[in-house]
Amino acid sequence: MEELRIDVCGRVQGVGFRQFVKRQADALSVKGNVRNASDGRVAIVAQSSREQLELFLVRVQGGPFLAKVTEVSYAWKKPAFLYEDFVISVNSGFVRDQARSFTNLGKKLFYL
């Protein structure tokens, strides 16, 4: 079991990117979580075999139709604990999280 931490930048909030990541994780039996960061990034923690994680990384870099991934950084880690499933994490409640993601999307659309 290995862990991969991924940060994805670009137009990745407010466009269904987290749901896309969860579908990819579920299809590959990857465990972990995905969350929107306050600076517009999407942060992912993924755990599985190295082979599955490498495939997951390739899929995440593609993103869904409306997303535009401009930068991906990642780091391999030893898991501190093991996730039981893959979840979409929300830090400040669903409505506030969605409002922030649409604000970040607006910034990307008008300032890039």
PDB file of N, CA and C in Angstrom:
ATOM      1  N   MET A   1       0.853  -1.182   0.000  1.00  0.00           N
ATOM      2  CA  MET A   1       0.000   0.000   0.000  1.00  0.00           C
ATOM      3  C   MET A   1       0.890   1.234   0.000  1.00  0.00           C
ATOM      4  N   GLU A   2       0.622   2.127  -0.950  1.00  0.00           N
ATOM      5  CA  GLU A   2       1.357   3.383  -1.036  1.00  0.00           C
ATOM      6  C   GLU A   2       0.372   4.541  -0.991  1.00  0.00           C
ATOM      7  N   GLU A   3       0.905   5.728  -0.752  1.00  0.00           N
ATOM      8  CA  GLU A   3       0.077   6.931  -0.707  1.00  0.00           C
ATOM      9  C   GLU A   3       0.648   7.957  -1.667  1.00  0.00           C
ATOM     10  N   LEU A   4      -0.243   8.606  -2.394  1.00  0.00           N
ATOM     11  CA  LEU A   4       0.127   9.645  -3.340  1.00  0.00           C
ATOM     12  C   LEU A   4      -0.657  10.894  -2.977  1.00  0.00           C
ATOM     13  N   ARG A   5       0.060  11.996  -2.762  1.00  0.00           N
ATOM     14  CA  ARG A   5      -0.582  13.292  -2.491  1.00  0.00           C
ATOM     15  C   ARG A   5      -0.454  14.129  -3.750  1.00  0.00           C
ATOM     16  N   ILE A   6      -1.612  14.622  -4.218  1.00  0.00           N
ATOM     17  CA  ILE A   6      -1.668  15.322  -5.494  1.00  0.00           C
ATOM     18  C   ILE A   6      -2.307  16.690  -5.293  1.00  0.00           C
ATOM     19  N   ASP A   7      -1.696  17.719  -5.852  1.00  0.00           N
ATOM     20  CA  ASP A   7      -2.287  19.060  -5.917  1.00  0.00           C
ATOM     21  C   ASP A   7      -2.535  19.380  -7.375  1.00  0.00           C
ATOM     22  N   VAL A   8      -3.764  19.778  -7.680  1.00  0.00           N
ATOM     23  CA  VAL A   8      -4.150  20.078  -9.057  1.00  0.00           C
ATOM     24  C   VAL A   8      -4.554  21.547  -9.140  1.00  0.00           C
ATOM     25  N   CYS A   9      -3.963  22.272 -10.090  1.00  0.00           N
ATOM     26  CA  CYS A   9      -4.259  23.690 -10.291  1.00  0.00           C
ATOM     27  C   CYS A   9      -4.903  23.895 -11.649  1.00  0.00           C
ATOM     28  N   GLY A  10      -5.592  25.013 -11.784  1.00  0.00           N
ATOM     29  CA  GLY A  10      -6.256  25.366 -13.030  1.00  0.00           C
ATOM     30  C   GLY A  10      -7.721  25.653 -12.767  1.00  0.00           C
ATOM     31  N   ARG A  11      -8.550  25.413 -13.771  1.00  0.00           N
ATOM     32  CA  ARG A  11      -9.996  25.576 -13.618  1.00  0.00           C
ATOM     33  C   ARG A  11     -10.532  24.231 -13.118  1.00  0.00           C
ATOM     34  N   VAL A  12     -10.426  24.025 -11.799  1.00  0.00           N
ATOM     35  CA  VAL A  12     -10.759  22.720 -11.227  1.00  0.00           C
ATOM     36  C   VAL A  12     -11.784  22.805 -10.093  1.00  0.00           C
ATOM     37  N   GLN A  13     -12.258  24.002  -9.785  1.00  0.00           N
ATOM     38  CA  GLN A  13     -13.314  24.142  -8.788  1.00  0.00           C
ATOM     39  C   GLN A  13     -14.579  24.642  -9.463  1.00  0.00           C
ATOM     40  N   GLY A  14     -15.724  24.104  -9.054  1.00  0.00           N
ATOM     41  CA  GLY A  14     -16.993  24.531  -9.624  1.00  0.00           C
ATOM     42  C   GLY A  14     -17.308  23.888 -10.963  1.00  0.00           C
ATOM     43  N   VAL A  15     -16.539  22.880 -11.369  1.00  0.00           N
ATOM     44  CA  VAL A  15     -16.749  22.231 -12.671  1.00  0.00           C
ATOM     45  C   VAL A  15     -16.901  20.712 -12.547  1.00  0.00           C
ATOM     46  N   GLY A  16     -17.200  20.224 -11.357  1.00  0.00           N
ATOM     47  CA  GLY A  16     -17.393  18.789 -11.161  1.00  0.00           C
ATOM     48  C   GLY A  16     -16.108  17.995 -11.039  1.00  0.00           C
ATOM     49  N   PHE A  17     -14.994  18.680 -10.772  1.00  0.00           N
ATOM     50  CA  PHE A  17     -13.708  17.990 -10.726  1.00  0.00           C
ATOM     51  C   PHE A  17     -13.630  16.989  -9.575  1.00  0.00           C
ATOM     52  N   ARG A  18     -14.102  17.358  -8.399  1.00  0.00           N
ATOM     53  CA  ARG A  18     -14.031  16.423  -7.261  1.00  0.00           C
ATOM     54  C   ARG A  18     -14.865  15.169  -7.511  1.00  0.00           C
ATOM     55  N   GLN A  19     -16.041  15.335  -8.113  1.00  0.00           N
ATOM     56  CA  GLN A  19     -16.879  14.179  -8.429  1.00  0.00           C
ATOM     57  C   GLN A  19     -16.180  13.293  -9.462  1.00  0.00           C
ATOM     58  N   PHE A  20     -15.517  13.920 -10.437  1.00  0.00           N
ATOM     59  CA  PHE A  20     -14.744  13.175 -11.428  1.00  0.00           C
ATOM     60  C   PHE A  20     -13.644  12.362 -10.743  1.00  0.00           C
ATOM     61  N   VAL A  21     -12.915  12.997  -9.830  1.00  0.00           N
ATOM     62  CA  VAL A  21     -11.834  12.316  -9.112  1.00  0.00           C
ATOM     63  C   VAL A  21     -12.389  11.139  -8.324  1.00  0.00           C
ATOM     64  N   LYS A  22     -13.518  11.332  -7.653  1.00  0.00           N
ATOM     65  CA  LYS A  22     -14.121  10.235  -6.878  1.00  0.00           C
ATOM     66  C   LYS A  22     -14.515   9.077  -7.784  1.00  0.00           C
ATOM     67  N   ARG A  23     -15.100   9.364  -8.940  1.00  0.00           N
ATOM     68  CA  ARG A  23     -15.474   8.286  -9.873  1.00  0.00           C
ATOM     69  C   ARG A  23     -14.238   7.506 -10.321  1.00  0.00           C
ATOM     70  N   GLN A  24     -13.142   8.219 -10.603  1.00  0.00           N
ATOM     71  CA  GLN A  24     -11.905   7.545 -11.014  1.00  0.00           C
ATOM     72  C   GLN A  24     -11.358   6.687  -9.873  1.00  0.00           C
ATOM     73  N   ALA A  25     -11.385   7.223  -8.667  1.00  0.00           N
ATOM     74  CA  ALA A  25     -10.898   6.482  -7.504  1.00  0.00           C
ATOM     75  C   ALA A  25     -11.733   5.226  -7.291  1.00  0.00           C
ATOM     76  N   ASP A  26     -13.040   5.366  -7.350  1.00  0.00           N
ATOM     77  CA  ASP A  26     -13.924   4.208  -7.145  1.00  0.00           C
ATOM     78  C   ASP A  26     -13.701   3.146  -8.217  1.00  0.00           C
ATOM     79  N   ALA A  27     -13.502   3.570  -9.454  1.00  0.00           N
ATOM     80  CA  ALA A  27     -13.283   2.624 -10.562  1.00  0.00           C
ATOM     81  C   ALA A  27     -11.982   1.844 -10.390  1.00  0.00           C
ATOM     82  N   LEU A  28     -10.994   2.461  -9.732  1.00  0.00           N
ATOM     83  CA  LEU A  28      -9.679   1.823  -9.555  1.00  0.00           C
ATOM     84  C   LEU A  28      -9.464   1.276  -8.143  1.00  0.00           C
ATOM     85  N   SER A  29     -10.501   1.312  -7.311  1.00  0.00           N
ATOM     86  CA  SER A  29     -10.411   0.861  -5.910  1.00  0.00           C
ATOM     87  C   SER A  29      -9.336   1.621  -5.127  1.00  0.00           C
ATOM     88  N   VAL A  30      -9.247   2.923  -5.396  1.00  0.00           N
ATOM     89  CA  VAL A  30      -8.323   3.800  -4.678  1.00  0.00           C
ATOM     90  C   VAL A  30      -9.063   4.369  -3.468  1.00  0.00           C
ATOM     91  N   LYS A  31      -8.391   4.430  -2.343  1.00  0.00           N
ATOM     92  CA  LYS A  31      -8.960   4.978  -1.109  1.00  0.00           C
ATOM     93  C   LYS A  31      -8.338   6.342  -0.844  1.00  0.00           C
ATOM     94  N   GLY A  32      -9.022   7.212  -0.079  1.00  0.00           N
ATOM     95  CA  GLY A  32      -8.464   8.505   0.281  1.00  0.00           C
ATOM     96  C   GLY A  32      -9.514   9.591   0.297  1.00  0.00           C
ATOM     97  N   ASN A  33      -9.118  10.817  -0.109  1.00  0.00           N
ATOM     98  CA  ASN A  33     -10.068  11.919  -0.150  1.00  0.00           C
ATOM     99  C   ASN A  33      -9.629  12.981  -1.146  1.00  0.00           C
ATOM    100  N   VAL A  34     -10.576  13.836  -1.490  1.00  0.00           N
ATOM    101  CA  VAL A  34     -10.339  14.975  -2.363  1.00  0.00           C
ATOM    102  C   VAL A  34     -11.049  16.170  -1.734  1.00  0.00           C
ATOM    103  N   ARG A  35     -10.390  17.341  -1.780  1.00  0.00           N
ATOM    104  CA  ARG A  35     -11.001  18.542  -1.214  1.00  0.00           C
ATOM    105  C   ARG A  35     -10.553  19.766  -1.990  1.00  0.00           C
ATOM    106  N   ASN A  36     -11.394  20.792  -1.966  1.00  0.00           N
ATOM    107  CA  ASN A  36     -11.025  22.083  -2.536  1.00  0.00           C
ATOM    108  C   ASN A  36     -10.165  22.817  -1.522  1.00  0.00           C
ATOM    109  N   ALA A  37      -9.077  23.404  -1.972  1.00  0.00           N
ATOM    110  CA  ALA A  37      -8.249  24.264  -1.127  1.00  0.00           C
ATOM    111  C   ALA A  37      -8.731  25.704  -1.314  1.00  0.00           C
ATOM    112  N   SER A  38      -8.509  26.537  -0.321  1.00  0.00           N
ATOM    113  CA  SER A  38      -9.006  27.910  -0.371  1.00  0.00           C
ATOM    114  C   SER A  38      -8.343  28.746  -1.465  1.00  0.00           C
ATOM    115  N   ASP A  39      -7.181  28.334  -1.940  1.00  0.00           N
ATOM    116  CA  ASP A  39      -6.478  29.094  -2.978  1.00  0.00           C
ATOM    117  C   ASP A  39      -6.853  28.673  -4.400  1.00  0.00           C
ATOM    118  N   GLY A  40      -7.862  27.811  -4.553  1.00  0.00           N
ATOM    119  CA  GLY A  40      -8.317  27.400  -5.878  1.00  0.00           C
ATOM    120  C   GLY A  40      -7.800  26.056  -6.349  1.00  0.00           C
ATOM    121  N   ARG A  41      -6.833  25.473  -5.617  1.00  0.00           N
ATOM    122  CA  ARG A  41      -6.324  24.142  -5.953  1.00  0.00           C
ATOM    123  C   ARG A  41      -7.331  23.080  -5.514  1.00  0.00           C
ATOM    124  N   VAL A  42      -7.128  21.880  -6.008  1.00  0.00           N
ATOM    125  CA  VAL A  42      -7.803  20.703  -5.478  1.00  0.00           C
ATOM    126  C   VAL A  42      -6.713  19.793  -4.930  1.00  0.00           C
ATOM    127  N   ALA A  43      -6.878  19.369  -3.675  1.00  0.00           N
ATOM    128  CA  ALA A  43      -5.897  18.520  -3.002  1.00  0.00           C
ATOM    129  C   ALA A  43      -6.461  17.104  -2.882  1.00  0.00           C
ATOM    130  N   ILE A  44      -5.628  16.134  -3.237  1.00  0.00           N
ATOM    131  CA  ILE A  44      -6.045  14.733  -3.243  1.00  0.00           C
ATOM    132  C   ILE A  44      -5.050  13.914  -2.429  1.00  0.00           C
ATOM    133  N   VAL A  45      -5.570  13.020  -1.594  1.00  0.00           N
ATOM    134  CA  VAL A  45      -4.762  11.996  -0.933  1.00  0.00           C
ATOM    135  C   VAL A  45      -5.310  10.672  -1.432  1.00  0.00           C
ATOM    136  N   ALA A  46      -4.442   9.850  -2.025  1.00  0.00           N
ATOM    137  CA  ALA A  46      -4.877   8.585  -2.614  1.00  0.00           C
ATOM    138  C   ALA A  46      -4.006   7.443  -2.108  1.00  0.00           C
ATOM    139  N   GLN A  47      -4.627   6.312  -1.800  1.00  0.00           N
ATOM    140  CA  GLN A  47      -3.904   5.135  -1.327  1.00  0.00           C
ATOM    141  C   GLN A  47      -4.328   3.902  -2.122  1.00  0.00           C
ATOM    142  N   SER A  48      -3.336   3.151  -2.551  1.00  0.00           N
ATOM    143  CA  SER A  48      -3.563   1.899  -3.270  1.00  0.00           C
ATOM    144  C   SER A  48      -2.197   1.326  -3.622  1.00  0.00           C
ATOM    145  N   SER A  49      -2.175   0.388  -4.553  1.00  0.00           N
ATOM    146  CA  SER A  49      -0.890  -0.114  -5.054  1.00  0.00           C
ATOM    147  C   SER A  49      -0.271   0.954  -5.946  1.00  0.00           C
ATOM    148  N   ARG A  50       1.021   0.906  -6.112  1.00  0.00           N
ATOM    149  CA  ARG A  50       1.706   1.900  -6.956  1.00  0.00           C
ATOM    150  C   ARG A  50       1.150   1.879  -8.377  1.00  0.00           C
ATOM    151  N   GLU A  51       0.897   0.707  -8.909  1.00  0.00           N
ATOM    152  CA  GLU A  51       0.370   0.583 -10.271  1.00  0.00           C
ATOM    153  C   GLU A  51      -0.982   1.289 -10.404  1.00  0.00           C
ATOM    154  N   GLN A  52      -1.893   1.072  -9.453  1.00  0.00           N
ATOM    155  CA  GLN A  52      -3.212   1.707  -9.499  1.00  0.00           C
ATOM    156  C   GLN A  52      -3.085   3.222  -9.337  1.00  0.00           C
ATOM    157  N   LEU A  53      -2.179   3.662  -8.463  1.00  0.00           N
ATOM    158  CA  LEU A  53      -2.002   5.093  -8.244  1.00  0.00           C
ATOM    159  C   LEU A  53      -1.414   5.788  -9.464  1.00  0.00           C
ATOM    160  N   GLU A  54      -0.526   5.124 -10.172  1.00  0.00           N
ATOM    161  CA  GLU A  54       0.030   5.713 -11.397  1.00  0.00           C
ATOM    162  C   GLU A  54      -1.065   5.895 -12.445  1.00  0.00           C
ATOM    163  N   LEU A  55      -1.941   4.920 -12.586  1.00  0.00           N
ATOM    164  CA  LEU A  55      -3.065   5.029 -13.513  1.00  0.00           C
ATOM    165  C   LEU A  55      -4.038   6.122 -13.057  1.00  0.00           C
ATOM    166  N   PHE A  56      -4.301   6.185 -11.760  1.00  0.00           N
ATOM    167  CA  PHE A  56      -5.171   7.215 -11.189  1.00  0.00           C
ATOM    168  C   PHE A  56      -4.615   8.607 -11.491  1.00  0.00           C
ATOM    169  N   LEU A  57      -3.321   8.793 -11.324  1.00  0.00           N
ATOM    170  CA  LEU A  57      -2.679  10.078 -11.592  1.00  0.00           C
ATOM    171  C   LEU A  57      -2.863  10.495 -13.047  1.00  0.00           C
ATOM    172  N   VAL A  58      -2.702   9.579 -13.966  1.00  0.00           N
ATOM    173  CA  VAL A  58      -2.893   9.878 -15.386  1.00  0.00           C
ATOM    174  C   VAL A  58      -4.336  10.325 -15.638  1.00  0.00           C
ATOM    175  N   ARG A  59      -5.285   9.629 -15.054  1.00  0.00           N
ATOM    176  CA  ARG A  59      -6.692   9.975 -15.256  1.00  0.00           C
ATOM    177  C   ARG A  59      -7.027  11.343 -14.654  1.00  0.00           C
ATOM    178  N   VAL A  60      -6.512  11.624 -13.463  1.00  0.00           N
ATOM    179  CA  VAL A  60      -6.774  12.902 -12.796  1.00  0.00           C
ATOM    180  C   VAL A  60      -6.232  14.060 -13.635  1.00  0.00           C
ATOM    181  N   GLN A  61      -5.080  13.878 -14.240  1.00  0.00           N
ATOM    182  CA  GLN A  61      -4.479  14.942 -15.050  1.00  0.00           C
ATOM    183  C   GLN A  61      -5.349  15.305 -16.243  1.00  0.00           C
ATOM    184  N   GLY A  62      -6.134  14.359 -16.732  1.00  0.00           N
ATOM    185  CA  GLY A  62      -7.030  14.637 -17.849  1.00  0.00           C
ATOM    186  C   GLY A  62      -8.214  15.488 -17.439  1.00  0.00           C
ATOM    187  N   GLY A  63      -8.776  15.214 -16.281  1.00  0.00           N
ATOM    188  CA  GLY A  63      -9.913  15.972 -15.777  1.00  0.00           C
ATOM    189  C   GLY A  63     -11.175  15.775 -16.590  1.00  0.00           C
ATOM    190  N   PRO A  64     -12.304  16.271 -16.066  1.00  0.00           N
ATOM    191  CA  PRO A  64     -13.571  16.195 -16.804  1.00  0.00           C
ATOM    192  C   PRO A  64     -13.634  17.264 -17.899  1.00  0.00           C
ATOM    193  N   PHE A  65     -14.674  17.238 -18.670  1.00  0.00           N
ATOM    194  CA  PHE A  65     -14.840  18.089 -19.842  1.00  0.00           C
ATOM    195  C   PHE A  65     -14.658  19.583 -19.550  1.00  0.00           C
ATOM    196  N   LEU A  66     -15.291  20.122 -18.518  1.00  0.00           N
ATOM    197  CA  LEU A  66     -15.258  21.562 -18.256  1.00  0.00           C
ATOM    198  C   LEU A  66     -14.009  22.033 -17.519  1.00  0.00           C
ATOM    199  N   ALA A  67     -13.252  21.101 -16.974  1.00  0.00           N
ATOM    200  CA  ALA A  67     -12.044  21.464 -16.228  1.00  0.00           C
ATOM    201  C   ALA A  67     -10.901  21.791 -17.184  1.00  0.00           C
ATOM    202  N   LYS A  68      -9.948  22.562 -16.670  1.00  0.00           N
ATOM    203  CA  LYS A  68      -8.726  22.833 -17.417  1.00  0.00           C
ATOM    204  C   LYS A  68      -7.572  22.716 -16.416  1.00  0.00           C
ATOM    205  N   VAL A  69      -6.917  21.585 -16.431  1.00  0.00           N
ATOM    206  CA  VAL A  69      -5.789  21.340 -15.536  1.00  0.00           C
ATOM    207  C   VAL A  69      -4.561  22.011 -16.129  1.00  0.00           C
ATOM    208  N   THR A  70      -3.957  22.928 -15.355  1.00  0.00           N
ATOM    209  CA  THR A  70      -2.773  23.643 -15.844  1.00  0.00           C
ATOM    210  C   THR A  70      -1.498  23.195 -15.135  1.00  0.00           C
ATOM    211  N   GLU A  71      -1.627  22.616 -13.963  1.00  0.00           N
ATOM    212  CA  GLU A  71      -0.444  22.187 -13.213  1.00  0.00           C
ATOM    213  C   GLU A  71      -0.830  21.075 -12.250  1.00  0.00           C
ATOM    214  N   VAL A  72       0.023  20.069 -12.170  1.00  0.00           N
ATOM    215  CA  VAL A  72      -0.168  18.968 -11.223  1.00  0.00           C
ATOM    216  C   VAL A  72       1.155  18.731 -10.515  1.00  0.00           C
ATOM    217  N   SER A  73       1.112  18.693  -9.204  1.00  0.00           N
ATOM    218  CA  SER A  73       2.297  18.305  -8.443  1.00  0.00           C
ATOM    219  C   SER A  73       1.900  17.138  -7.552  1.00  0.00           C
ATOM    220  N   TYR A  74       2.850  16.260  -7.303  1.00  0.00           N
ATOM    221  CA  TYR A  74       2.522  15.089  -6.484  1.00  0.00           C
ATOM    222  C   TYR A  74       3.755  14.623  -5.726  1.00  0.00           C
ATOM    223  N   ALA A  75       3.479  13.874  -4.662  1.00  0.00           N
ATOM    224  CA  ALA A  75       4.558  13.328  -3.835  1.00  0.00           C
ATOM    225  C   ALA A  75       4.126  11.960  -3.316  1.00  0.00           C
ATOM    226  N   TRP A  76       5.041  11.010  -3.390  1.00  0.00           N
ATOM    227  CA  TRP A  76       4.802   9.676  -2.848  1.00  0.00           C
ATOM    228  C   TRP A  76       5.118   9.706  -1.355  1.00  0.00           C
ATOM    229  N   LYS A  77       4.261   9.091  -0.548  1.00  0.00           N
ATOM    230  CA  LYS A  77       4.432   9.057   0.911  1.00  0.00           C
ATOM    231  C   LYS A  77       4.167   7.653   1.432  1.00  0.00           C
ATOM    232  N   LYS A  78       4.624   7.406   2.640  1.00  0.00           N
ATOM    233  CA  LYS A  78       4.220   6.212   3.375  1.00  0.00           C
ATOM    234  C   LYS A  78       2.938   6.583   4.122  1.00  0.00           C
ATOM    235  N   PRO A  79       1.887   5.770   4.028  1.00  0.00           N
ATOM    236  CA  PRO A  79       0.634   6.120   4.704  1.00  0.00           C
ATOM    237  C   PRO A  79       0.806   6.188   6.222  1.00  0.00           C
ATOM    238  N   ALA A  80       0.314   7.275   6.824  1.00  0.00           N
ATOM    239  CA  ALA A  80       0.308   7.406   8.285  1.00  0.00           C
ATOM    240  C   ALA A  80      -0.838   6.588   8.866  1.00  0.00           C
ATOM    241  N   PHE A  81      -1.943   6.507   8.127  1.00  0.00           N
ATOM    242  CA  PHE A  81      -3.075   5.647   8.470  1.00  0.00           C
ATOM    243  C   PHE A  81      -3.764   5.253   7.176  1.00  0.00           C
ATOM    244  N   LEU A  82      -4.614   4.260   7.231  1.00  0.00           N
ATOM    245  CA  LEU A  82      -5.256   3.743   6.020  1.00  0.00           C
ATOM    246  C   LEU A  82      -6.702   4.212   5.931  1.00  0.00           C
ATOM    247  N   TYR A  83      -7.066   4.732   4.767  1.00  0.00           N
ATOM    248  CA  TYR A  83      -8.446   5.123   4.503  1.00  0.00           C
ATOM    249  C   TYR A  83      -9.271   3.872   4.196  1.00  0.00           C
ATOM    250  N   GLU A  84     -10.546   3.911   4.542  1.00  0.00           N
ATOM    251  CA  GLU A  84     -11.438   2.787   4.274  1.00  0.00           C
ATOM    252  C   GLU A  84     -12.161   2.927   2.945  1.00  0.00           C
ATOM    253  N   ASP A  85     -12.317   4.161   2.469  1.00  0.00           N
ATOM    254  CA  ASP A  85     -12.973   4.414   1.183  1.00  0.00           C
ATOM    255  C   ASP A  85     -12.470   5.734   0.634  1.00  0.00           C
ATOM    256  N   PHE A  86     -13.051   6.200  -0.460  1.00  0.00           N
ATOM    257  CA  PHE A  86     -12.665   7.479  -1.039  1.00  0.00           C
ATOM    258  C   PHE A  86     -13.824   8.443  -0.868  1.00  0.00           C
ATOM    259  N   VAL A  87     -13.547   9.615  -0.271  1.00  0.00           N
ATOM    260  CA  VAL A  87     -14.611  10.571   0.028  1.00  0.00           C
ATOM    261  C   VAL A  87     -14.249  11.957  -0.501  1.00  0.00           C
ATOM    262  N   ILE A  88     -15.293  12.734  -0.751  1.00  0.00           N
ATOM    263  CA  ILE A  88     -15.140  14.149  -1.057  1.00  0.00           C
ATOM    264  C   ILE A  88     -15.254  14.884   0.271  1.00  0.00           C
ATOM    265  N   SER A  89     -14.170  15.537   0.701  1.00  0.00           N
ATOM    266  CA  SER A  89     -14.150  16.255   1.968  1.00  0.00           C
ATOM    267  C   SER A  89     -14.619  17.688   1.767  1.00  0.00           C
ATOM    268  N   VAL A  90     -15.417  18.160   2.712  1.00  0.00           N
ATOM    269  CA  VAL A  90     -15.915  19.527   2.704  1.00  0.00           C
ATOM    270  C   VAL A  90     -15.533  20.131   4.053  1.00  0.00           C
ATOM    271  N   ASN A  91     -14.765  21.221   4.034  1.00  0.00           N
ATOM    272  CA  ASN A  91     -14.254  21.807   5.276  1.00  0.00           C
ATOM    273  C   ASN A  91     -15.249  22.695   6.008  1.00  0.00           C
ATOM    274  N   SER A  92     -16.085  23.427   5.276  1.00  0.00           N
ATOM    275  CA  SER A  92     -16.894  24.459   5.925  1.00  0.00           C
ATOM    276  C   SER A  92     -18.386  24.338   5.618  1.00  0.00           C
ATOM    277  N   GLY A  93     -18.887  23.147   5.449  1.00  0.00           N
ATOM    278  CA  GLY A  93     -20.289  22.956   5.119  1.00  0.00           C
ATOM    279  C   GLY A  93     -20.510  22.999   3.619  1.00  0.00           C
ATOM    280  N   PHE A  94     -21.491  22.263   3.163  1.00  0.00           N
ATOM    281  CA  PHE A  94     -21.725  22.088   1.733  1.00  0.00           C
ATOM    282  C   PHE A  94     -21.998  23.401   1.013  1.00  0.00           C
ATOM    283  N   VAL A  95     -22.918  24.220   1.536  1.00  0.00           N
ATOM    284  CA  VAL A  95     -23.310  25.455   0.843  1.00  0.00           C
ATOM    285  C   VAL A  95     -22.125  26.409   0.759  1.00  0.00           C
ATOM    286  N   ARG A  96     -21.411  26.587   1.848  1.00  0.00           N
ATOM    287  CA  ARG A  96     -20.247  27.480   1.857  1.00  0.00           C
ATOM    288  C   ARG A  96     -19.143  26.957   0.926  1.00  0.00           C
ATOM    289  N   ASP A  97     -18.953  25.641   0.946  1.00  0.00           N
ATOM    290  CA  ASP A  97     -17.955  25.026   0.075  1.00  0.00           C
ATOM    291  C   ASP A  97     -18.292  25.265  -1.395  1.00  0.00           C
ATOM    292  N   GLN A  98     -19.555  25.084  -1.762  1.00  0.00           N
ATOM    293  CA  GLN A  98     -19.974  25.300  -3.152  1.00  0.00           C
ATOM    294  C   GLN A  98     -19.832  26.765  -3.543  1.00  0.00           C
ATOM    295  N   ALA A  99     -20.194  27.677  -2.644  1.00  0.00           N
ATOM    296  CA  ALA A  99     -20.068  29.106  -2.927  1.00  0.00           C
ATOM    297  C   ALA A  99     -18.603  29.472  -3.167  1.00  0.00           C
ATOM    298  N   ARG A 100     -17.715  28.952  -2.337  1.00  0.00           N
ATOM    299  CA  ARG A 100     -16.286  29.244  -2.492  1.00  0.00           C
ATOM    300  C   ARG A 100     -15.760  28.670  -3.808  1.00  0.00           C
ATOM    301  N   SER A 101     -16.210  27.458  -4.171  1.00  0.00           N
ATOM    302  CA  SER A 101     -15.715  26.868  -5.419  1.00  0.00           C
ATOM    303  C   SER A 101     -16.177  27.667  -6.627  1.00  0.00           C
ATOM    304  N   PHE A 102     -17.398  28.194  -6.598  1.00  0.00           N
ATOM    305  CA  PHE A 102     -17.870  29.010  -7.717  1.00  0.00           C
ATOM    306  C   PHE A 102     -17.154  30.360  -7.757  1.00  0.00           C
ATOM    307  N   THR A 103     -16.812  30.905  -6.588  1.00  0.00           N
ATOM    308  CA  THR A 103     -16.019  32.137  -6.541  1.00  0.00           C
ATOM    309  C   THR A 103     -14.655  31.897  -7.179  1.00  0.00           C
ATOM    310  N   ASN A 104     -14.013  30.778  -6.812  1.00  0.00           N
ATOM    311  CA  ASN A 104     -12.706  30.446  -7.394  1.00  0.00           C
ATOM    312  C   ASN A 104     -12.812  30.188  -8.891  1.00  0.00           C
ATOM    313  N   LEU A 105     -13.902  29.571  -9.320  1.00  0.00           N
ATOM    314  CA  LEU A 105     -14.122  29.361 -10.754  1.00  0.00           C
ATOM    315  C   LEU A 105     -14.225  30.707 -11.470  1.00  0.00           C
ATOM    316  N   GLY A 106     -14.972  31.633 -10.887  1.00  0.00           N
ATOM    317  CA  GLY A 106     -15.104  32.958 -11.483  1.00  0.00           C
ATOM    318  C   GLY A 106     -13.762  33.649 -11.642  1.00  0.00           C
ATOM    319  N   LYS A 107     -12.919  33.533 -10.639  1.00  0.00           N
ATOM    320  CA  LYS A 107     -11.577  34.124 -10.719  1.00  0.00           C
ATOM    321  C   LYS A 107     -10.804  33.519 -11.880  1.00  0.00           C
ATOM    322  N   LYS A 108     -10.892  32.201 -12.056  1.00  0.00           N
ATOM    323  CA  LYS A 108     -10.174  31.544 -13.145  1.00  0.00           C
ATOM    324  C   LYS A 108     -10.705  31.975 -14.506  1.00  0.00           C
ATOM    325  N   LEU A 109     -12.015  32.128 -14.612  1.00  0.00           N
ATOM    326  CA  LEU A 109     -12.609  32.494 -15.907  1.00  0.00           C
ATOM    327  C   LEU A 109     -12.266  33.923 -16.310  1.00  0.00           C
ATOM    328  N   PHE A 110     -12.230  34.836 -15.346  1.00  0.00           N
ATOM    329  CA  PHE A 110     -12.056  36.242 -15.677  1.00  0.00           C
ATOM    330  C   PHE A 110     -10.610  36.730 -15.599  1.00  0.00           C
ATOM    331  N   TYR A 111      -9.730  35.985 -14.924  1.00  0.00           N
ATOM    332  CA  TYR A 111      -8.367  36.475 -14.742  1.00  0.00           C
ATOM    333  C   TYR A 111      -7.307  35.609 -15.400  1.00  0.00           C
ATOM    334  N   LEU A 112      -7.698  34.538 -16.094  1.00  0.00           N
ATOM    335  CA  LEU A 112      -6.696  33.710 -16.790  1.00  0.00           C
ATOM    336  C   LEU A 112      -6.684  34.005 -18.259  1.00  0.00           C
TER     337      LEU A 112
END
